[in-house]
C-alpha atoms as a PDB file:
ATOM      1  CA  UNK A   1     -11.131 -10.607   1.701  1.00  0.00           C
ATOM      2  CA  UNK A   2     -14.669 -11.772   1.890  1.00  0.00           C
ATOM      3  CA  UNK A   3     -15.206 -11.374  -1.855  1.00  0.00           C
ATOM      4  CA  UNK A   4     -13.347 -14.643  -2.480  1.00  0.00           C
ATOM      5  CA  UNK A   5     -10.569 -13.112  -4.549  1.00  0.00           C
ATOM      6  CA  UNK A   6      -7.501 -15.292  -4.055  1.00  0.00           C
ATOM      7  CA  UNK A   7      -4.990 -13.833  -6.500  1.00  0.00           C
ATOM      8  CA  UNK A   8      -4.102 -10.106  -6.281  1.00  0.00           C
ATOM      9  CA  UNK A   9      -2.616  -9.904  -9.786  1.00  0.00           C
ATOM     10  CA  UNK A  10      -3.920 -11.269 -13.065  1.00  0.00           C
ATOM     11  CA  UNK A  11      -1.771 -14.133 -14.344  1.00  0.00           C
ATOM     12  CA  UNK A  12       0.236 -14.488 -11.103  1.00  0.00           C
ATOM     13  CA  UNK A  13      -0.568 -17.862  -9.518  1.00  0.00           C
ATOM     14  CA  UNK A  14       2.381 -17.687  -7.091  1.00  0.00           C
ATOM     15  CA  UNK A  15       0.938 -14.872  -4.971  1.00  0.00           C
ATOM     16  CA  UNK A  16      -2.277 -15.061  -2.927  1.00  0.00           C
ATOM     17  CA  UNK A  17      -4.257 -13.026  -0.431  1.00  0.00           C
ATOM     18  CA  UNK A  18      -3.810 -14.973   2.814  1.00  0.00           C
ATOM     19  CA  UNK A  19      -7.179 -13.834   4.166  1.00  0.00           C
ATOM     20  CA  UNK A  20      -8.864 -15.822   1.373  1.00  0.00           C
ATOM     21  CA  UNK A  21      -7.049 -19.098   2.033  1.00  0.00           C
ATOM     22  CA  UNK A  22      -6.349 -19.268   5.797  1.00  0.00           C
ATOM     23  CA  UNK A  23      -9.012 -21.215   7.691  1.00  0.00           C
ATOM     24  CA  UNK A  24      -7.445 -21.759  11.123  1.00  0.00           C
ATOM     25  CA  UNK A  25      -8.726 -19.353  13.785  1.00  0.00           C
ATOM     26  CA  UNK A  26      -5.282 -19.254  15.424  1.00  0.00           C
ATOM     27  CA  UNK A  27      -3.753 -17.575  12.360  1.00  0.00           C
ATOM     28  CA  UNK A  28      -4.533 -13.875  12.065  1.00  0.00           C
ATOM     29  CA  UNK A  29      -3.857 -11.983   8.841  1.00  0.00           C
ATOM     30  CA  UNK A  30      -4.740  -8.553   7.538  1.00  0.00           C
ATOM     31  CA  UNK A  31      -7.251  -7.944   4.777  1.00  0.00           C
ATOM     32  CA  UNK A  32      -4.567  -7.187   2.204  1.00  0.00           C
ATOM     33  CA  UNK A  33      -1.726  -9.454   3.386  1.00  0.00           C
ATOM     34  CA  UNK A  34      -0.208 -11.306   0.460  1.00  0.00           C
ATOM     35  CA  UNK A  35       2.016 -14.379   0.349  1.00  0.00           C
ATOM     36  CA  UNK A  36       4.262 -15.552  -2.475  1.00  0.00           C
ATOM     37  CA  UNK A  37       5.594 -19.074  -2.899  1.00  0.00           C
ATOM     38  CA  UNK A  38       7.460 -19.841  -6.107  1.00  0.00           C
ATOM     39  CA  UNK A  39       8.299 -23.440  -5.094  1.00  0.00           C
ATOM     40  CA  UNK A  40       4.980 -24.779  -3.749  1.00  0.00           C
ATOM     41  CA  UNK A  41       1.340 -23.934  -4.328  1.00  0.00           C
ATOM     42  CA  UNK A  42       0.770 -20.802  -2.202  1.00  0.00           C
ATOM     43  CA  UNK A  43      -2.739 -22.029  -1.376  1.00  0.00           C
ATOM     44  CA  UNK A  44      -1.024 -24.665   0.815  1.00  0.00           C
ATOM     45  CA  UNK A  45       0.268 -21.961   3.183  1.00  0.00           C
ATOM     46  CA  UNK A  46      -1.227 -23.563   6.312  1.00  0.00           C
ATOM     47  CA  UNK A  47       0.130 -27.020   5.466  1.00  0.00           C
ATOM     48  CA  UNK A  48       3.633 -25.835   4.555  1.00  0.00           C
ATOM     49  CA  UNK A  49       4.227 -23.249   7.281  1.00  0.00           C
END
């Protein structure tokens, strides 16, 4: 996701495209891999997992 789109669905802030938020080179994700976290901010994927 090089277009910078973080959220795949309008109004859903619990689900993100991982490709747009992962920065570590040791974590590989597909272009359309999504992640949902209804407890924590899903943008903190790297910190929480």
